[in-house]
PDB file of N, CA and C in Angstrom:
ATOM      1  N   MET A   1     -11.075   1.847   6.962  1.00  0.00           N
ATOM      2  CA  MET A   1      -9.660   1.549   6.968  1.00  0.00           C
ATOM      3  C   MET A   1      -9.455   0.217   7.681  1.00  0.00           C
ATOM      4  N   PRO A   2      -8.811  -0.747   7.032  1.00  0.00           N
ATOM      5  CA  PRO A   2      -8.576  -2.045   7.678  1.00  0.00           C
ATOM      6  C   PRO A   2      -7.617  -1.885   8.852  1.00  0.00           C
ATOM      7  N   LYS A   3      -7.926  -2.542   9.938  1.00  0.00           N
ATOM      8  CA  LYS A   3      -7.087  -2.477  11.137  1.00  0.00           C
ATOM      9  C   LYS A   3      -6.405  -3.802  11.450  1.00  0.00           C
ATOM     10  N   THR A   4      -6.928  -4.903  10.867  1.00  0.00           N
ATOM     11  CA  THR A   4      -6.369  -6.226  11.143  1.00  0.00           C
ATOM     12  C   THR A   4      -6.224  -6.990   9.837  1.00  0.00           C
ATOM     13  N   GLU A   5      -5.462  -8.082   9.911  1.00  0.00           N
ATOM     14  CA  GLU A   5      -5.337  -8.962   8.752  1.00  0.00           C
ATOM     15  C   GLU A   5      -6.700  -9.538   8.380  1.00  0.00           C
ATOM     16  N   ALA A   6      -7.525  -9.822   9.384  1.00  0.00           N
ATOM     17  CA  ALA A   6      -8.868 -10.344   9.115  1.00  0.00           C
ATOM     18  C   ALA A   6      -9.702  -9.326   8.342  1.00  0.00           C
ATOM     19  N   ASP A   7      -9.554  -8.039   8.661  1.00  0.00           N
ATOM     20  CA  ASP A   7     -10.257  -6.994   7.909  1.00  0.00           C
ATOM     21  C   ASP A   7      -9.835  -7.003   6.442  1.00  0.00           C
ATOM     22  N   LEU A   8      -8.526  -7.107   6.221  1.00  0.00           N
ATOM     23  CA  LEU A   8      -8.018  -7.145   4.849  1.00  0.00           C
ATOM     24  C   LEU A   8      -8.527  -8.376   4.108  1.00  0.00           C
ATOM     25  N   GLN A   9      -8.470  -9.531   4.775  1.00  0.00           N
ATOM     26  CA  GLN A   9      -8.924 -10.771   4.135  1.00  0.00           C
ATOM     27  C   GLN A   9     -10.414 -10.698   3.832  1.00  0.00           C
ATOM     28  N   ALA A  10     -11.206 -10.131   4.733  1.00  0.00           N
ATOM     29  CA  ALA A  10     -12.644  -9.992   4.494  1.00  0.00           C
ATOM     30  C   ALA A  10     -12.905  -9.094   3.295  1.00  0.00           C
ATOM     31  N   ALA A  11     -12.129  -8.039   3.153  1.00  0.00           N
ATOM     32  CA  ALA A  11     -12.297  -7.145   1.999  1.00  0.00           C
ATOM     33  C   ALA A  11     -11.935  -7.861   0.702  1.00  0.00           C
ATOM     34  N   VAL A  12     -10.854  -8.653   0.736  1.00  0.00           N
ATOM     35  CA  VAL A  12     -10.468  -9.430  -0.441  1.00  0.00           C
ATOM     36  C   VAL A  12     -11.552 -10.451  -0.771  1.00  0.00           C
ATOM     37  N   ASP A  13     -11.973 -11.221   0.238  1.00  0.00           N
ATOM     38  CA  ASP A  13     -12.975 -12.272   0.028  1.00  0.00           C
ATOM     39  C   ASP A  13     -14.305 -11.699  -0.440  1.00  0.00           C
ATOM     40  N   GLY A  14     -14.662 -10.529   0.054  1.00  0.00           N
ATOM     41  CA  GLY A  14     -15.937  -9.919  -0.304  1.00  0.00           C
ATOM     42  C   GLY A  14     -15.896  -9.118  -1.595  1.00  0.00           C
ATOM     43  N   GLY A  15     -14.716  -9.076  -2.244  1.00  0.00           N
ATOM     44  CA  GLY A  15     -14.598  -8.315  -3.481  1.00  0.00           C
ATOM     45  C   GLY A  15     -14.749  -6.819  -3.264  1.00  0.00           C
ATOM     46  N   LEU A  16     -14.382  -6.345  -2.075  1.00  0.00           N
ATOM     47  CA  LEU A  16     -14.580  -4.937  -1.741  1.00  0.00           C
ATOM     48  C   LEU A  16     -13.465  -4.030  -2.239  1.00  0.00           C
ATOM     49  N   PHE A  17     -12.338  -4.607  -2.616  1.00  0.00           N
ATOM     50  CA  PHE A  17     -11.238  -3.788  -3.106  1.00  0.00           C
ATOM     51  C   PHE A  17     -11.434  -3.488  -4.577  1.00  0.00           C
ATOM     52  N   GLU A  18     -11.389  -2.223  -4.904  1.00  0.00           N
ATOM     53  CA  GLU A  18     -11.404  -1.774  -6.292  1.00  0.00           C
ATOM     54  C   GLU A  18     -10.521  -0.543  -6.354  1.00  0.00           C
ATOM     55  N   GLU A  19      -9.455  -0.626  -7.126  1.00  0.00           N
ATOM     56  CA  GLU A  19      -8.545   0.509  -7.198  1.00  0.00           C
ATOM     57  C   GLU A  19      -9.252   1.699  -7.832  1.00  0.00           C
ATOM     58  N   SER A  20      -8.953   2.875  -7.292  1.00  0.00           N
ATOM     59  CA  SER A  20      -9.564   4.113  -7.772  1.00  0.00           C
ATOM     60  C   SER A  20      -8.590   5.250  -7.488  1.00  0.00           C
ATOM     61  N   HIS A  21      -9.046   6.488  -7.703  1.00  0.00           N
ATOM     62  CA  HIS A  21      -8.157   7.615  -7.403  1.00  0.00           C
ATOM     63  C   HIS A  21      -8.040   7.855  -5.900  1.00  0.00           C
ATOM     64  N   HIS A  22      -8.776   7.088  -5.078  1.00  0.00           N
ATOM     65  CA  HIS A  22      -8.674   7.183  -3.623  1.00  0.00           C
ATOM     66  C   HIS A  22      -8.078   5.930  -2.990  1.00  0.00           C
ATOM     67  N   LEU A  23      -7.862   4.880  -3.770  1.00  0.00           N
ATOM     68  CA  LEU A  23      -7.325   3.630  -3.227  1.00  0.00           C
ATOM     69  C   LEU A  23      -6.388   2.979  -4.238  1.00  0.00           C
ATOM     70  N   ASP A  24      -5.199   2.624  -3.753  1.00  0.00           N
ATOM     71  CA  ASP A  24      -4.250   1.883  -4.581  1.00  0.00           C
ATOM     72  C   ASP A  24      -3.713   0.728  -3.746  1.00  0.00           C
ATOM     73  N   LEU A  25      -3.535  -0.413  -4.380  1.00  0.00           N
ATOM     74  CA  LEU A  25      -3.053  -1.628  -3.725  1.00  0.00           C
ATOM     75  C   LEU A  25      -1.772  -2.074  -4.420  1.00  0.00           C
ATOM     76  N   LYS A  26      -0.756  -2.421  -3.628  1.00  0.00           N
ATOM     77  CA  LYS A  26       0.520  -2.852  -4.193  1.00  0.00           C
ATOM     78  C   LYS A  26       1.090  -3.993  -3.377  1.00  0.00           C
ATOM     79  N   LYS A  27       1.834  -4.845  -4.059  1.00  0.00           N
ATOM     80  CA  LYS A  27       2.553  -5.905  -3.333  1.00  0.00           C
ATOM     81  C   LYS A  27       3.642  -5.255  -2.489  1.00  0.00           C
ATOM     82  N   ALA A  28       4.598  -4.578  -3.112  1.00  0.00           N
ATOM     83  CA  ALA A  28       5.660  -3.838  -2.412  1.00  0.00           C
ATOM     84  C   ALA A  28       6.545  -3.169  -3.446  1.00  0.00           C
ATOM     85  N   PRO A  29       7.067  -1.991  -3.143  1.00  0.00           N
ATOM     86  CA  PRO A  29       8.025  -1.360  -4.061  1.00  0.00           C
ATOM     87  C   PRO A  29       9.389  -2.029  -3.897  1.00  0.00           C
ATOM     88  N   ASN A  30       9.980  -2.495  -5.009  1.00  0.00           N
ATOM     89  CA  ASN A  30      11.250  -3.217  -4.930  1.00  0.00           C
ATOM     90  C   ASN A  30      12.384  -2.580  -5.719  1.00  0.00           C
ATOM     91  N   SER A  31      12.061  -1.699  -6.659  1.00  0.00           N
ATOM     92  CA  SER A  31      13.105  -1.146  -7.524  1.00  0.00           C
ATOM     93  C   SER A  31      12.976   0.374  -7.592  1.00  0.00           C
ATOM     94  N   LYS A  32      13.958   1.022  -8.221  1.00  0.00           N
ATOM     95  CA  LYS A  32      13.887   2.479  -8.395  1.00  0.00           C
ATOM     96  C   LYS A  32      12.676   2.859  -9.238  1.00  0.00           C
ATOM     97  N   GLY A  33      12.358   2.046 -10.244  1.00  0.00           N
ATOM     98  CA  GLY A  33      11.164   2.295 -11.052  1.00  0.00           C
ATOM     99  C   GLY A  33       9.899   2.204 -10.215  1.00  0.00           C
ATOM    100  N   ASP A  34       9.878   1.235  -9.293  1.00  0.00           N
ATOM    101  CA  ASP A  34       8.738   1.113  -8.379  1.00  0.00           C
ATOM    102  C   ASP A  34       8.647   2.336  -7.480  1.00  0.00           C
ATOM    103  N   ASN A  35       9.795   2.887  -7.065  1.00  0.00           N
ATOM    104  CA  ASN A  35       9.782   4.075  -6.220  1.00  0.00           C
ATOM    105  C   ASN A  35       9.181   5.265  -6.958  1.00  0.00           C
ATOM    106  N   LYS A  36       9.502   5.400  -8.233  1.00  0.00           N
ATOM    107  CA  LYS A  36       8.932   6.496  -9.020  1.00  0.00           C
ATOM    108  C   LYS A  36       7.427   6.324  -9.171  1.00  0.00           C
ATOM    109  N   GLU A  37       6.988   5.098  -9.412  1.00  0.00           N
ATOM    110  CA  GLU A  37       5.553   4.834  -9.508  1.00  0.00           C
ATOM    111  C   GLU A  37       4.876   5.100  -8.163  1.00  0.00           C
ATOM    112  N   LEU A  38       5.528   4.686  -7.085  1.00  0.00           N
ATOM    113  CA  LEU A  38       5.008   4.948  -5.747  1.00  0.00           C
ATOM    114  C   LEU A  38       4.864   6.448  -5.519  1.00  0.00           C
ATOM    115  N   ALA A  39       5.867   7.218  -5.901  1.00  0.00           N
ATOM    116  CA  ALA A  39       5.812   8.674  -5.742  1.00  0.00           C
ATOM    117  C   ALA A  39       4.652   9.263  -6.542  1.00  0.00           C
ATOM    118  N   ARG A  40       4.436   8.783  -7.761  1.00  0.00           N
ATOM    119  CA  ARG A  40       3.297   9.260  -8.570  1.00  0.00           C
ATOM    120  C   ARG A  40       1.979   8.931  -7.887  1.00  0.00           C
ATOM    121  N   ASP A  41       1.877   7.705  -7.366  1.00  0.00           N
ATOM    122  CA  ASP A  41       0.646   7.297  -6.680  1.00  0.00           C
ATOM    123  C   ASP A  41       0.391   8.165  -5.451  1.00  0.00           C
ATOM    124  N   LEU A  42       1.438   8.401  -4.660  1.00  0.00           N
ATOM    125  CA  LEU A  42       1.283   9.227  -3.470  1.00  0.00           C
ATOM    126  C   LEU A  42       0.921  10.665  -3.851  1.00  0.00           C
ATOM    127  N   ALA A  43       1.559  11.186  -4.897  1.00  0.00           N
ATOM    128  CA  ALA A  43       1.258  12.549  -5.342  1.00  0.00           C
ATOM    129  C   ALA A  43      -0.186  12.673  -5.812  1.00  0.00           C
ATOM    130  N   SER A  44      -0.718  11.617  -6.407  1.00  0.00           N
ATOM    131  CA  SER A  44      -2.113  11.678  -6.877  1.00  0.00           C
ATOM    132  C   SER A  44      -3.085  11.779  -5.705  1.00  0.00           C
ATOM    133  N   PHE A  45      -2.673  11.339  -4.523  1.00  0.00           N
ATOM    134  CA  PHE A  45      -3.511  11.450  -3.331  1.00  0.00           C
ATOM    135  C   PHE A  45      -3.412  12.829  -2.685  1.00  0.00           C
ATOM    136  N   ALA A  46      -2.453  13.642  -3.100  1.00  0.00           N
ATOM    137  CA  ALA A  46      -2.203  14.918  -2.446  1.00  0.00           C
ATOM    138  C   ALA A  46      -3.377  15.888  -2.581  1.00  0.00           C
ATOM    139  N   VAL A  47      -4.163  15.767  -3.619  1.00  0.00           N
ATOM    140  CA  VAL A  47      -5.270  16.706  -3.831  1.00  0.00           C
ATOM    141  C   VAL A  47      -6.486  16.335  -2.996  1.00  0.00           C
ATOM    142  N   ASP A  48      -6.980  15.115  -3.155  1.00  0.00           N
ATOM    143  CA  ASP A  48      -8.224  14.708  -2.492  1.00  0.00           C
ATOM    144  C   ASP A  48      -8.013  13.685  -1.382  1.00  0.00           C
ATOM    145  N   GLY A  49      -6.778  13.268  -1.150  1.00  0.00           N
ATOM    146  CA  GLY A  49      -6.515  12.237  -0.157  1.00  0.00           C
ATOM    147  C   GLY A  49      -6.656  10.854  -0.761  1.00  0.00           C
ATOM    148  N   GLY A  50      -6.213   9.867  -0.046  1.00  0.00           N
ATOM    149  CA  GLY A  50      -6.321   8.503  -0.528  1.00  0.00           C
ATOM    150  C   GLY A  50      -5.559   7.559   0.367  1.00  0.00           C
ATOM    151  N   THR A  51      -5.672   6.286   0.038  1.00  0.00           N
ATOM    152  CA  THR A  51      -5.039   5.232   0.818  1.00  0.00           C
ATOM    153  C   THR A  51      -4.272   4.309  -0.116  1.00  0.00           C
ATOM    154  N   LEU A  52      -3.050   4.015   0.272  1.00  0.00           N
ATOM    155  CA  LEU A  52      -2.223   3.039  -0.429  1.00  0.00           C
ATOM    156  C   LEU A  52      -2.028   1.884   0.535  1.00  0.00           C
ATOM    157  N   ILE A  53      -2.402   0.693   0.121  1.00  0.00           N
ATOM    158  CA  ILE A  53      -2.204  -0.488   0.949  1.00  0.00           C
ATOM    159  C   ILE A  53      -1.137  -1.346   0.292  1.00  0.00           C
ATOM    160  N   ILE A  54      -0.042  -1.552   1.024  1.00  0.00           N
ATOM    161  CA  ILE A  54       1.042  -2.396   0.535  1.00  0.00           C
ATOM    162  C   ILE A  54       0.897  -3.747   1.214  1.00  0.00           C
ATOM    163  N   GLY A  55       0.933  -4.797   0.405  1.00  0.00           N
ATOM    164  CA  GLY A  55       0.772  -6.151   0.923  1.00  0.00           C
ATOM    165  C   GLY A  55      -0.480  -6.807   0.380  1.00  0.00           C
ATOM    166  N   VAL A  56      -1.072  -6.195  -0.623  1.00  0.00           N
ATOM    167  CA  VAL A  56      -2.217  -6.775  -1.330  1.00  0.00           C
ATOM    168  C   VAL A  56      -1.884  -6.672  -2.810  1.00  0.00           C
ATOM    169  N   GLN A  57      -1.881  -7.807  -3.505  1.00  0.00           N
ATOM    170  CA  GLN A  57      -1.517  -7.788  -4.917  1.00  0.00           C
ATOM    171  C   GLN A  57      -2.698  -8.188  -5.786  1.00  0.00           C
ATOM    172  N   GLU A  58      -2.665  -7.693  -7.006  1.00  0.00           N
ATOM    173  CA  GLU A  58      -3.730  -7.997  -7.962  1.00  0.00           C
ATOM    174  C   GLU A  58      -3.308  -9.163  -8.843  1.00  0.00           C
ATOM    175  N   ASN A  59      -4.223 -10.102  -9.035  1.00  0.00           N
ATOM    176  CA  ASN A  59      -4.042 -11.153 -10.030  1.00  0.00           C
ATOM    177  C   ASN A  59      -4.597 -10.576 -11.327  1.00  0.00           C
ATOM    178  N   LYS A  60      -3.706 -10.198 -12.233  1.00  0.00           N
ATOM    179  CA  LYS A  60      -4.113  -9.501 -13.467  1.00  0.00           C
ATOM    180  C   LYS A  60      -5.043 -10.351 -14.332  1.00  0.00           C
ATOM    181  N   ASP A  61      -4.836 -11.677 -14.336  1.00  0.00           N
ATOM    182  CA  ASP A  61      -5.655 -12.547 -15.177  1.00  0.00           C
ATOM    183  C   ASP A  61      -7.102 -12.605 -14.695  1.00  0.00           C
ATOM    184  N   SER A  62      -7.292 -12.783 -13.386  1.00  0.00           N
ATOM    185  CA  SER A  62      -8.653 -12.928 -12.861  1.00  0.00           C
ATOM    186  C   SER A  62      -9.229 -11.612 -12.358  1.00  0.00           C
ATOM    187  N   ARG A  63      -8.402 -10.545 -12.359  1.00  0.00           N
ATOM    188  CA  ARG A  63      -8.824  -9.222 -11.863  1.00  0.00           C
ATOM    189  C   ARG A  63      -9.322  -9.301 -10.426  1.00  0.00           C
ATOM    190  N   THR A  64      -8.654 -10.138  -9.609  1.00  0.00           N
ATOM    191  CA  THR A  64      -8.969 -10.265  -8.193  1.00  0.00           C
ATOM    192  C   THR A  64      -7.727  -9.894  -7.390  1.00  0.00           C
ATOM    193  N   PHE A  65      -7.899  -9.751  -6.095  1.00  0.00           N
ATOM    194  CA  PHE A  65      -6.795  -9.398  -5.210  1.00  0.00           C
ATOM    195  C   PHE A  65      -6.547 -10.520  -4.225  1.00  0.00           C
ATOM    196  N   GLU A  66      -5.305 -10.569  -3.723  1.00  0.00           N
ATOM    197  CA  GLU A  66      -4.947 -11.546  -2.694  1.00  0.00           C
ATOM    198  C   GLU A  66      -3.925 -10.897  -1.771  1.00  0.00           C
ATOM    199  N   LEU A  67      -3.902 -11.357  -0.537  1.00  0.00           N
ATOM    200  CA  LEU A  67      -2.945 -10.829   0.417  1.00  0.00           C
ATOM    201  C   LEU A  67      -1.538 -11.280   0.050  1.00  0.00           C
ATOM    202  N   ALA A  68      -0.579 -10.396   0.230  1.00  0.00           N
ATOM    203  CA  ALA A  68       0.837 -10.669  -0.038  1.00  0.00           C
ATOM    204  C   ALA A  68       1.645 -10.001   1.067  1.00  0.00           C
ATOM    205  N   PRO A  69       1.685 -10.603   2.275  1.00  0.00           N
ATOM    206  CA  PRO A  69       2.373  -9.973   3.408  1.00  0.00           C
ATOM    207  C   PRO A  69       3.813  -9.619   3.065  1.00  0.00           C
ATOM    208  N   GLN A  70       4.259  -8.485   3.579  1.00  0.00           N
ATOM    209  CA  GLN A  70       5.615  -8.000   3.322  1.00  0.00           C
ATOM    210  C   GLN A  70       6.337  -7.775   4.639  1.00  0.00           C
ATOM    211  N   PRO A  71       7.648  -8.034   4.677  1.00  0.00           N
ATOM    212  CA  PRO A  71       8.410  -7.721   5.888  1.00  0.00           C
ATOM    213  C   PRO A  71       8.385  -6.214   6.139  1.00  0.00           C
ATOM    214  N   LEU A  72       8.260  -5.828   7.373  1.00  0.00           N
ATOM    215  CA  LEU A  72       8.164  -4.418   7.707  1.00  0.00           C
ATOM    216  C   LEU A  72       9.519  -3.739   7.801  1.00  0.00           C
ATOM    217  N   ASN A  73      10.583  -4.490   7.951  1.00  0.00           N
ATOM    218  CA  ASN A  73      11.921  -3.923   8.158  1.00  0.00           C
ATOM    219  C   ASN A  73      12.207  -2.777   7.196  1.00  0.00           C
ATOM    220  N   GLY A  74      12.129  -1.548   7.702  1.00  0.00           N
ATOM    221  CA  GLY A  74      12.471  -0.372   6.910  1.00  0.00           C
ATOM    222  C   GLY A  74      11.419   0.086   5.929  1.00  0.00           C
ATOM    223  N   LEU A  75      10.324  -0.635   5.783  1.00  0.00           N
ATOM    224  CA  LEU A  75       9.318  -0.257   4.782  1.00  0.00           C
ATOM    225  C   LEU A  75       8.658   1.088   5.078  1.00  0.00           C
ATOM    226  N   PRO A  76       8.225   1.368   6.307  1.00  0.00           N
ATOM    227  CA  PRO A  76       7.629   2.687   6.550  1.00  0.00           C
ATOM    228  C   PRO A  76       8.605   3.822   6.234  1.00  0.00           C
ATOM    229  N   GLU A  77       9.862   3.643   6.629  1.00  0.00           N
ATOM    230  CA  GLU A  77      10.861   4.671   6.359  1.00  0.00           C
ATOM    231  C   GLU A  77      11.088   4.845   4.858  1.00  0.00           C
ATOM    232  N   LYS A  78      11.066   3.741   4.123  1.00  0.00           N
ATOM    233  CA  LYS A  78      11.245   3.819   2.678  1.00  0.00           C
ATOM    234  C   LYS A  78      10.097   4.593   2.034  1.00  0.00           C
ATOM    235  N   ILE A  79       8.864   4.303   2.444  1.00  0.00           N
ATOM    236  CA  ILE A  79       7.700   5.003   1.900  1.00  0.00           C
ATOM    237  C   ILE A  79       7.813   6.497   2.216  1.00  0.00           C
ATOM    238  N   GLU A  80       8.145   6.815   3.462  1.00  0.00           N
ATOM    239  CA  GLU A  80       8.263   8.213   3.865  1.00  0.00           C
ATOM    240  C   GLU A  80       9.394   8.918   3.111  1.00  0.00           C
ATOM    241  N   GLN A  81      10.510   8.219   2.887  1.00  0.00           N
ATOM    242  CA  GLN A  81      11.625   8.813   2.148  1.00  0.00           C
ATOM    243  C   GLN A  81      11.232   9.096   0.705  1.00  0.00           C
ATOM    244  N   VAL A  82      10.548   8.161   0.063  1.00  0.00           N
ATOM    245  CA  VAL A  82      10.078   8.379  -1.312  1.00  0.00           C
ATOM    246  C   VAL A  82       9.163   9.601  -1.346  1.00  0.00           C
ATOM    247  N   ALA A  83       8.252   9.698  -0.378  1.00  0.00           N
ATOM    248  CA  ALA A  83       7.306  10.822  -0.333  1.00  0.00           C
ATOM    249  C   ALA A  83       8.019  12.158  -0.134  1.00  0.00           C
ATOM    250  N   ARG A  84       9.107  12.156   0.622  1.00  0.00           N
ATOM    251  CA  ARG A  84       9.832  13.396   0.905  1.00  0.00           C
ATOM    252  C   ARG A  84      10.809  13.793  -0.189  1.00  0.00           C
ATOM    253  N   THR A  85      11.316  12.824  -0.967  1.00  0.00           N
ATOM    254  CA  THR A  85      12.423  13.139  -1.875  1.00  0.00           C
ATOM    255  C   THR A  85      12.073  13.155  -3.358  1.00  0.00           C
ATOM    256  N   ILE A  86      11.069  12.405  -3.794  1.00  0.00           N
ATOM    257  CA  ILE A  86      10.802  12.333  -5.236  1.00  0.00           C
ATOM    258  C   ILE A  86       9.768  13.363  -5.691  1.00  0.00           C
ATOM    259  N   PRO A  87       8.593  13.448  -5.069  1.00  0.00           N
ATOM    260  CA  PRO A  87       7.616  14.450  -5.541  1.00  0.00           C
ATOM    261  C   PRO A  87       8.097  15.873  -5.239  1.00  0.00           C
ATOM    262  N   ASP A  88       7.647  16.806  -6.063  1.00  0.00           N
ATOM    263  CA  ASP A  88       7.943  18.210  -5.840  1.00  0.00           C
ATOM    264  C   ASP A  88       6.635  18.989  -5.893  1.00  0.00           C
ATOM    265  N   PRO A  89       6.138  19.501  -4.797  1.00  0.00           N
ATOM    266  CA  PRO A  89       6.777  19.599  -3.493  1.00  0.00           C
ATOM    267  C   PRO A  89       6.727  18.263  -2.742  1.00  0.00           C
ATOM    268  N   PRO A  90       7.578  18.117  -1.731  1.00  0.00           N
ATOM    269  CA  PRO A  90       7.596  16.883  -0.935  1.00  0.00           C
ATOM    270  C   PRO A  90       6.250  16.651  -0.248  1.00  0.00           C
ATOM    271  N   LEU A  91       5.965  15.396   0.018  1.00  0.00           N
ATOM    272  CA  LEU A  91       4.707  15.021   0.657  1.00  0.00           C
ATOM    273  C   LEU A  91       4.956  14.501   2.068  1.00  0.00           C
ATOM    274  N   THR A  92       3.957  14.675   2.909  1.00  0.00           N
ATOM    275  CA  THR A  92       3.967  14.066   4.229  1.00  0.00           C
ATOM    276  C   THR A  92       2.939  12.955   4.215  1.00  0.00           C
ATOM    277  N   VAL A  93       3.333  11.761   4.629  1.00  0.00           N
ATOM    278  CA  VAL A  93       2.411  10.621   4.656  1.00  0.00           C
ATOM    279  C   VAL A  93       2.329  10.065   6.070  1.00  0.00           C
ATOM    280  N   ILE A  94       1.250   9.398   6.354  1.00  0.00           N
ATOM    281  CA  ILE A  94       1.052   8.729   7.631  1.00  0.00           C
ATOM    282  C   ILE A  94       1.010   7.236   7.349  1.00  0.00           C
ATOM    283  N   THR A  95       1.826   6.470   8.062  1.00  0.00           N
ATOM    284  CA  THR A  95       1.842   5.023   7.861  1.00  0.00           C
ATOM    285  C   THR A  95       1.270   4.328   9.084  1.00  0.00           C
ATOM    286  N   GLU A  96       0.593   3.222   8.828  1.00  0.00           N
ATOM    287  CA  GLU A  96       0.049   2.383   9.892  1.00  0.00           C
ATOM    288  C   GLU A  96       0.374   0.941   9.563  1.00  0.00           C
ATOM    289  N   GLU A  97       0.676   0.164  10.584  1.00  0.00           N
ATOM    290  CA  GLU A  97       0.974  -1.252  10.414  1.00  0.00           C
ATOM    291  C   GLU A  97      -0.284  -2.074  10.666  1.00  0.00           C
ATOM    292  N   VAL A  98      -0.457  -3.112   9.857  1.00  0.00           N
ATOM    293  CA  VAL A  98      -1.512  -4.099  10.081  1.00  0.00           C
ATOM    294  C   VAL A  98      -0.801  -5.428  10.262  1.00  0.00           C
ATOM    295  N   SER A  99      -0.763  -5.917  11.481  1.00  0.00           N
ATOM    296  CA  SER A  99      -0.008  -7.141  11.780  1.00  0.00           C
ATOM    297  C   SER A  99      -0.641  -8.364  11.145  1.00  0.00           C
ATOM    298  N   ALA A 100       0.210  -9.221  10.628  1.00  0.00           N
ATOM    299  CA  ALA A 100      -0.231 -10.499  10.082  1.00  0.00           C
ATOM    300  C   ALA A 100      -0.242 -11.512  11.218  1.00  0.00           C
ATOM    301  N   ALA A 101      -1.275 -12.290  11.280  1.00  0.00           N
ATOM    302  CA  ALA A 101      -1.463 -13.211  12.401  1.00  0.00           C
ATOM    303  C   ALA A 101      -0.469 -14.369  12.389  1.00  0.00           C
ATOM    304  N   ALA A 102      -0.299 -15.018  11.252  1.00  0.00           N
ATOM    305  CA  ALA A 102       0.428 -16.285  11.224  1.00  0.00           C
ATOM    306  C   ALA A 102       1.943 -16.132  11.130  1.00  0.00           C
ATOM    307  N   ASP A 103       2.424 -15.214  10.311  1.00  0.00           N
ATOM    308  CA  ASP A 103       3.847 -15.214  10.004  1.00  0.00           C
ATOM    309  C   ASP A 103       4.614 -14.030  10.569  1.00  0.00           C
ATOM    310  N   GLY A 104       3.956 -13.131  11.281  1.00  0.00           N
ATOM    311  CA  GLY A 104       4.637 -12.019  11.883  1.00  0.00           C
ATOM    312  C   GLY A 104       4.958 -10.888  10.924  1.00  0.00           C
ATOM    313  N   ARG A 105       4.705 -11.077   9.637  1.00  0.00           N
ATOM    314  CA  ARG A 105       4.932  -9.989   8.688  1.00  0.00           C
ATOM    315  C   ARG A 105       3.705  -9.080   8.720  1.00  0.00           C
ATOM    316  N   VAL A 106       3.856  -7.913   8.136  1.00  0.00           N
ATOM    317  CA  VAL A 106       2.757  -6.954   8.188  1.00  0.00           C
ATOM    318  C   VAL A 106       2.457  -6.401   6.802  1.00  0.00           C
ATOM    319  N   ARG A 107       1.281  -5.837   6.703  1.00  0.00           N
ATOM    320  CA  ARG A 107       0.937  -5.075   5.512  1.00  0.00           C
ATOM    321  C   ARG A 107       1.073  -3.620   5.904  1.00  0.00           C
ATOM    322  N   GLN A 108       1.578  -2.820   5.041  1.00  0.00           N
ATOM    323  CA  GLN A 108       1.753  -1.415   5.329  1.00  0.00           C
ATOM    324  C   GLN A 108       0.616  -0.630   4.712  1.00  0.00           C
ATOM    325  N   VAL A 109      -0.038   0.146   5.503  1.00  0.00           N
ATOM    326  CA  VAL A 109      -1.112   0.994   5.019  1.00  0.00           C
ATOM    327  C   VAL A 109      -0.632   2.421   5.088  1.00  0.00           C
ATOM    328  N   VAL A 110      -0.680   3.113   3.965  1.00  0.00           N
ATOM    329  CA  VAL A 110      -0.222   4.493   3.907  1.00  0.00           C
ATOM    330  C   VAL A 110      -1.410   5.381   3.621  1.00  0.00           C
TER     331      VAL A 110
END
C-alpha cells in the first residue's frame, strides 16, 4: 500500500500499477454517473477485498498511468457516502490520505 507520493510515483515509473479485481485507479469521481461506477467498483471489492486509488489516471492511448492529485476537500466523505447509500447492502470503507509534496493536494486511497 503506497504511503507517500514518492511511493505512488515509484509505482507509476516502475510500471507496477495494473488494474485488476483487487486494484482500481481513478482520477476522481465528478458526476452522478461516476458515483454509480464508483459504487460498482467498491461493491466488487466486497467479496475478496481490494484497493481503489484516487488521484492516478490512465492514459488510454499509451496504456500507462500518471499521477493526478486531487483536492481532499470532502472527498473521503463523498467516497464513504457513495459506499453507504448506493450499493445494497451498504458498504463500509476505510480511507487513507497520501499527501502530495509540492502542491498540498492529496491522493485518496480507499
